[in-house]
């Protein structure tokens, strides 16, 4: 999976740093700061389409996805890193096989 390879560059970045980057630079955070909260429909396809448009120009989409895979794993819900939950659940085992991450205590 090409996405899992792309995330390798973030494997040693601590989760708290990723969280700070996503909050500071995430396109979705800009929407909330402007007071223009998205109106989610509760319908998976429609909400996925709304999130895809928002995430399309996000400068930290990889950081967002890496953070969600670390923190939620297979229990992921919603849209994170421009991927819906089914896509992330499919990606998760490939991501795990890509190797150790800083939070697992495997960083020298």
N, C-alpha and C. Protein backbone atom coordinates (compact mmCIF):
# COMPACT_ATOMS: atom_id res chain seq x y z
N UNK A 1 0.84 -1.18 0.00
CA UNK A 1 0.00 0.00 0.00
C UNK A 1 0.88 1.24 0.00
N UNK A 2 0.75 2.07 -1.02
CA UNK A 2 1.55 3.26 -1.15
C UNK A 2 1.39 4.25 -0.02
N UNK A 3 0.20 4.32 0.54
CA UNK A 3 -0.04 5.27 1.62
C UNK A 3 0.80 4.88 2.84
N UNK A 4 0.85 3.59 3.16
CA UNK A 4 1.63 3.13 4.31
C UNK A 4 3.10 3.51 4.14
N UNK A 5 3.61 3.37 2.94
CA UNK A 5 5.00 3.75 2.67
C UNK A 5 5.20 5.25 2.90
N UNK A 6 4.23 6.03 2.46
CA UNK A 6 4.31 7.49 2.58
C UNK A 6 4.38 7.92 4.05
N UNK A 7 3.73 7.16 4.91
CA UNK A 7 3.69 7.50 6.33
C UNK A 7 4.98 7.13 7.07
N UNK A 8 5.83 6.35 6.44
CA UNK A 8 7.08 5.93 7.09
C UNK A 8 7.91 7.12 7.58
N UNK A 9 7.86 8.22 6.88
CA UNK A 9 8.66 9.38 7.29
C UNK A 9 8.23 9.94 8.64
N UNK A 10 7.03 9.55 9.09
CA UNK A 10 6.49 10.07 10.35
C UNK A 10 6.64 9.08 11.51
N UNK A 11 7.25 7.95 11.29
CA UNK A 11 7.26 6.88 12.28
C UNK A 11 7.90 7.26 13.60
N UNK A 12 8.85 8.19 13.61
CA UNK A 12 9.54 8.55 14.85
C UNK A 12 9.08 9.90 15.41
N UNK A 13 8.09 10.49 14.80
CA UNK A 13 7.55 11.75 15.32
C UNK A 13 6.59 11.41 16.46
N UNK A 14 6.81 11.94 17.66
CA UNK A 14 5.91 11.64 18.77
C UNK A 14 4.47 12.07 18.48
N UNK A 15 3.52 11.31 19.01
CA UNK A 15 2.10 11.59 18.77
C UNK A 15 1.69 12.97 19.23
N UNK A 16 2.25 13.45 20.34
CA UNK A 16 1.86 14.79 20.80
C UNK A 16 2.31 15.86 19.81
N UNK A 17 3.44 15.64 19.16
CA UNK A 17 3.91 16.58 18.13
C UNK A 17 2.99 16.51 16.92
N UNK A 18 2.62 15.31 16.49
CA UNK A 18 1.69 15.17 15.38
C UNK A 18 0.37 15.88 15.69
N UNK A 19 -0.13 15.69 16.90
CA UNK A 19 -1.38 16.34 17.31
C UNK A 19 -1.27 17.85 17.24
N UNK A 20 -0.16 18.38 17.72
CA UNK A 20 0.04 19.83 17.67
C UNK A 20 0.07 20.34 16.24
N UNK A 21 0.72 19.60 15.35
CA UNK A 21 0.82 20.00 13.93
C UNK A 21 -0.57 19.98 13.29
N UNK A 22 -1.33 18.94 13.56
CA UNK A 22 -2.66 18.81 12.96
C UNK A 22 -3.57 19.94 13.45
N UNK A 23 -3.52 20.22 14.75
CA UNK A 23 -4.36 21.29 15.29
C UNK A 23 -3.94 22.65 14.74
N UNK A 24 -2.63 22.88 14.61
CA UNK A 24 -2.14 24.18 14.15
C UNK A 24 -2.31 24.40 12.66
N UNK A 25 -2.21 23.33 11.84
CA UNK A 25 -2.18 23.52 10.40
C UNK A 25 -3.25 22.77 9.62
N UNK A 26 -4.07 21.98 10.30
CA UNK A 26 -5.08 21.19 9.61
C UNK A 26 -6.16 22.05 8.98
N UNK A 27 -6.53 21.72 7.76
CA UNK A 27 -7.58 22.48 7.05
C UNK A 27 -8.90 22.44 7.81
N UNK A 28 -9.20 21.32 8.45
CA UNK A 28 -10.46 21.22 9.20
C UNK A 28 -10.44 22.14 10.41
N UNK A 29 -9.28 22.34 10.99
CA UNK A 29 -9.18 23.22 12.15
C UNK A 29 -9.40 24.68 11.75
N UNK A 30 -8.96 25.04 10.55
CA UNK A 30 -9.18 26.40 10.06
C UNK A 30 -10.67 26.68 9.91
N UNK A 31 -11.42 25.69 9.48
CA UNK A 31 -12.87 25.84 9.31
C UNK A 31 -13.51 26.11 10.67
N UNK A 32 -13.11 25.34 11.68
CA UNK A 32 -13.69 25.52 13.01
C UNK A 32 -13.28 26.85 13.63
N UNK A 33 -12.04 27.28 13.41
CA UNK A 33 -11.60 28.57 13.95
C UNK A 33 -12.36 29.72 13.33
N UNK A 34 -12.74 29.58 12.07
CA UNK A 34 -13.48 30.63 11.38
C UNK A 34 -14.95 30.63 11.79
N UNK A 35 -15.35 29.63 12.57
CA UNK A 35 -16.74 29.56 13.00
C UNK A 35 -17.66 28.96 11.98
N UNK A 36 -17.08 28.36 10.94
CA UNK A 36 -17.87 27.77 9.86
C UNK A 36 -17.89 26.25 9.98
N UNK A 37 -18.32 25.74 11.10
CA UNK A 37 -18.33 24.29 11.32
C UNK A 37 -19.10 23.60 10.20
N UNK A 38 -18.54 22.51 9.71
CA UNK A 38 -19.21 21.73 8.68
C UNK A 38 -20.49 21.12 9.22
N UNK A 39 -21.47 21.01 8.38
CA UNK A 39 -22.72 20.40 8.77
C UNK A 39 -22.71 18.96 8.27
N UNK A 40 -22.32 18.05 9.18
CA UNK A 40 -22.26 16.64 8.83
C UNK A 40 -23.68 16.09 8.74
N UNK A 41 -23.87 15.17 7.82
CA UNK A 41 -25.21 14.63 7.58
C UNK A 41 -25.48 13.35 8.35
N UNK A 42 -24.43 12.66 8.76
CA UNK A 42 -24.61 11.36 9.40
C UNK A 42 -24.69 10.24 8.37
N UNK A 43 -24.66 10.58 7.11
CA UNK A 43 -24.65 9.59 6.03
C UNK A 43 -23.21 9.40 5.57
N UNK A 44 -22.72 8.18 5.66
CA UNK A 44 -21.31 7.89 5.41
C UNK A 44 -20.82 8.44 4.06
N UNK A 45 -21.53 8.17 2.97
CA UNK A 45 -21.07 8.61 1.66
C UNK A 45 -21.05 10.13 1.55
N UNK A 46 -22.07 10.77 2.03
CA UNK A 46 -22.14 12.23 1.96
C UNK A 46 -21.08 12.87 2.83
N UNK A 47 -20.93 12.39 4.07
CA UNK A 47 -19.91 12.93 4.96
C UNK A 47 -18.51 12.67 4.41
N UNK A 48 -18.31 11.52 3.80
CA UNK A 48 -17.01 11.19 3.19
C UNK A 48 -16.70 12.17 2.06
N UNK A 49 -17.69 12.51 1.26
CA UNK A 49 -17.49 13.46 0.16
C UNK A 49 -17.17 14.86 0.70
N UNK A 50 -17.86 15.27 1.77
CA UNK A 50 -17.56 16.58 2.37
C UNK A 50 -16.13 16.62 2.91
N UNK A 51 -15.74 15.57 3.61
CA UNK A 51 -14.40 15.51 4.18
C UNK A 51 -13.34 15.44 3.10
N UNK A 52 -13.61 14.70 2.03
CA UNK A 52 -12.64 14.59 0.95
C UNK A 52 -12.33 15.96 0.35
N UNK A 53 -13.37 16.77 0.18
CA UNK A 53 -13.15 18.13 -0.36
C UNK A 53 -12.32 18.96 0.61
N UNK A 54 -12.62 18.86 1.88
CA UNK A 54 -11.89 19.62 2.89
C UNK A 54 -10.44 19.14 2.99
N UNK A 55 -10.24 17.84 3.00
CA UNK A 55 -8.90 17.28 3.15
C UNK A 55 -8.04 17.45 1.90
N UNK A 56 -8.65 17.66 0.76
CA UNK A 56 -7.91 17.72 -0.50
C UNK A 56 -6.78 18.74 -0.49
N UNK A 57 -6.98 19.86 0.16
CA UNK A 57 -5.95 20.88 0.18
C UNK A 57 -5.21 20.98 1.50
N UNK A 58 -5.38 20.00 2.35
CA UNK A 58 -4.79 20.07 3.68
C UNK A 58 -3.28 19.78 3.63
N UNK A 59 -2.48 20.65 4.26
CA UNK A 59 -1.03 20.47 4.23
C UNK A 59 -0.52 19.39 5.20
N UNK A 60 -1.40 18.89 6.08
CA UNK A 60 -0.95 17.91 7.07
C UNK A 60 -1.79 16.64 7.03
N UNK A 61 -2.24 16.25 5.86
CA UNK A 61 -3.10 15.08 5.71
C UNK A 61 -2.37 13.81 6.17
N UNK A 62 -1.09 13.68 5.89
CA UNK A 62 -0.34 12.49 6.31
C UNK A 62 -0.18 12.45 7.83
N UNK A 63 0.09 13.60 8.43
CA UNK A 63 0.24 13.67 9.88
C UNK A 63 -1.07 13.28 10.57
N UNK A 64 -2.18 13.74 10.02
CA UNK A 64 -3.50 13.43 10.55
C UNK A 64 -3.77 11.92 10.46
N UNK A 65 -3.47 11.34 9.33
CA UNK A 65 -3.70 9.91 9.12
C UNK A 65 -2.81 9.08 10.05
N UNK A 66 -1.54 9.43 10.14
CA UNK A 66 -0.62 8.72 11.04
C UNK A 66 -1.12 8.77 12.48
N UNK A 67 -1.53 9.93 12.91
CA UNK A 67 -2.01 10.09 14.28
C UNK A 67 -3.25 9.24 14.54
N UNK A 68 -4.18 9.23 13.61
CA UNK A 68 -5.40 8.43 13.78
C UNK A 68 -5.09 6.94 13.79
N UNK A 69 -4.20 6.48 12.94
CA UNK A 69 -3.85 5.06 12.93
C UNK A 69 -3.20 4.66 14.26
N UNK A 70 -2.39 5.54 14.80
CA UNK A 70 -1.75 5.26 16.10
C UNK A 70 -2.74 5.23 17.24
N UNK A 71 -3.63 6.19 17.27
CA UNK A 71 -4.48 6.36 18.44
C UNK A 71 -5.76 5.53 18.38
N UNK A 72 -6.33 5.34 17.21
CA UNK A 72 -7.60 4.61 17.13
C UNK A 72 -7.43 3.21 16.56
N UNK A 73 -6.44 3.01 15.71
CA UNK A 73 -6.23 1.70 15.12
C UNK A 73 -7.46 1.19 14.39
N UNK A 74 -7.84 -0.04 14.67
CA UNK A 74 -8.99 -0.64 14.00
C UNK A 74 -10.33 -0.08 14.49
N UNK A 75 -10.30 0.67 15.57
CA UNK A 75 -11.53 1.26 16.13
C UNK A 75 -11.84 2.63 15.54
N UNK A 76 -11.17 2.98 14.50
CA UNK A 76 -11.30 4.29 13.88
C UNK A 76 -12.71 4.55 13.35
N UNK A 77 -13.16 5.78 13.50
CA UNK A 77 -14.46 6.19 12.94
C UNK A 77 -14.32 7.57 12.31
N UNK A 78 -15.21 7.88 11.39
CA UNK A 78 -15.18 9.18 10.75
C UNK A 78 -14.18 9.26 9.62
N UNK A 79 -13.77 10.46 9.31
CA UNK A 79 -12.79 10.71 8.25
C UNK A 79 -11.58 11.37 8.86
N UNK A 80 -10.43 10.78 8.65
CA UNK A 80 -9.15 11.30 9.12
C UNK A 80 -8.13 11.10 8.01
N UNK A 81 -7.30 12.07 7.81
CA UNK A 81 -6.26 11.94 6.79
C UNK A 81 -6.81 11.67 5.41
N UNK A 82 -7.96 12.22 5.12
CA UNK A 82 -8.63 12.12 3.81
C UNK A 82 -9.14 10.72 3.51
N UNK A 83 -9.17 9.84 4.50
CA UNK A 83 -9.68 8.48 4.28
C UNK A 83 -10.85 8.21 5.21
N UNK A 84 -11.84 7.51 4.67
CA UNK A 84 -12.96 7.08 5.49
C UNK A 84 -12.54 5.91 6.37
N UNK A 85 -13.39 5.56 7.31
CA UNK A 85 -13.04 4.52 8.28
C UNK A 85 -12.80 3.17 7.62
N UNK A 86 -13.56 2.80 6.61
CA UNK A 86 -13.34 1.52 5.94
C UNK A 86 -11.97 1.49 5.26
N UNK A 87 -11.60 2.60 4.65
CA UNK A 87 -10.29 2.69 4.00
C UNK A 87 -9.16 2.59 5.03
N UNK A 88 -9.35 3.24 6.17
CA UNK A 88 -8.31 3.18 7.21
C UNK A 88 -8.23 1.78 7.81
N UNK A 89 -9.36 1.14 8.00
CA UNK A 89 -9.34 -0.23 8.53
C UNK A 89 -8.62 -1.17 7.57
N UNK A 90 -8.78 -0.95 6.28
CA UNK A 90 -8.08 -1.75 5.28
C UNK A 90 -6.58 -1.43 5.29
N UNK A 91 -6.24 -0.18 5.49
CA UNK A 91 -4.84 0.25 5.53
C UNK A 91 -4.13 -0.21 6.79
N UNK A 92 -4.84 -0.31 7.90
CA UNK A 92 -4.24 -0.53 9.22
C UNK A 92 -3.26 -1.72 9.27
N UNK A 93 -3.62 -2.92 8.80
CA UNK A 93 -2.66 -4.02 8.88
C UNK A 93 -1.40 -3.78 8.05
N UNK A 94 -1.55 -3.10 6.92
CA UNK A 94 -0.37 -2.76 6.09
C UNK A 94 0.52 -1.77 6.82
N UNK A 95 -0.11 -0.80 7.46
CA UNK A 95 0.61 0.21 8.24
C UNK A 95 1.37 -0.45 9.38
N UNK A 96 0.72 -1.39 10.07
CA UNK A 96 1.38 -2.09 11.18
C UNK A 96 2.62 -2.84 10.71
N UNK A 97 2.52 -3.46 9.55
CA UNK A 97 3.66 -4.23 9.02
C UNK A 97 4.82 -3.35 8.58
N UNK A 98 4.58 -2.06 8.44
CA UNK A 98 5.65 -1.16 7.99
C UNK A 98 6.72 -0.97 9.06
N UNK A 99 6.47 -1.38 10.28
CA UNK A 99 7.52 -1.32 11.29
C UNK A 99 7.14 -0.59 12.55
N UNK A 100 8.12 -0.48 13.38
CA UNK A 100 7.93 0.11 14.69
C UNK A 100 7.63 1.60 14.61
N UNK A 101 7.05 2.10 15.67
CA UNK A 101 6.72 3.51 15.82
C UNK A 101 7.24 3.98 17.16
N UNK A 102 7.43 5.25 17.32
CA UNK A 102 8.01 5.82 18.51
C UNK A 102 7.24 5.45 19.78
N UNK A 103 5.93 5.42 19.74
CA UNK A 103 5.14 5.14 20.94
C UNK A 103 5.26 3.70 21.42
N UNK A 104 5.72 2.82 20.57
CA UNK A 104 5.88 1.43 20.97
C UNK A 104 7.19 1.21 21.72
N UNK A 105 7.95 2.29 21.92
CA UNK A 105 9.20 2.18 22.66
C UNK A 105 10.31 1.51 21.89
N UNK A 106 10.18 1.46 20.57
CA UNK A 106 11.15 0.76 19.76
C UNK A 106 12.16 1.67 19.09
N UNK A 107 12.11 2.92 19.43
CA UNK A 107 13.06 3.89 18.87
C UNK A 107 14.31 3.91 19.73
N UNK A 108 15.43 3.80 19.11
CA UNK A 108 16.70 3.77 19.85
C UNK A 108 17.07 5.12 20.40
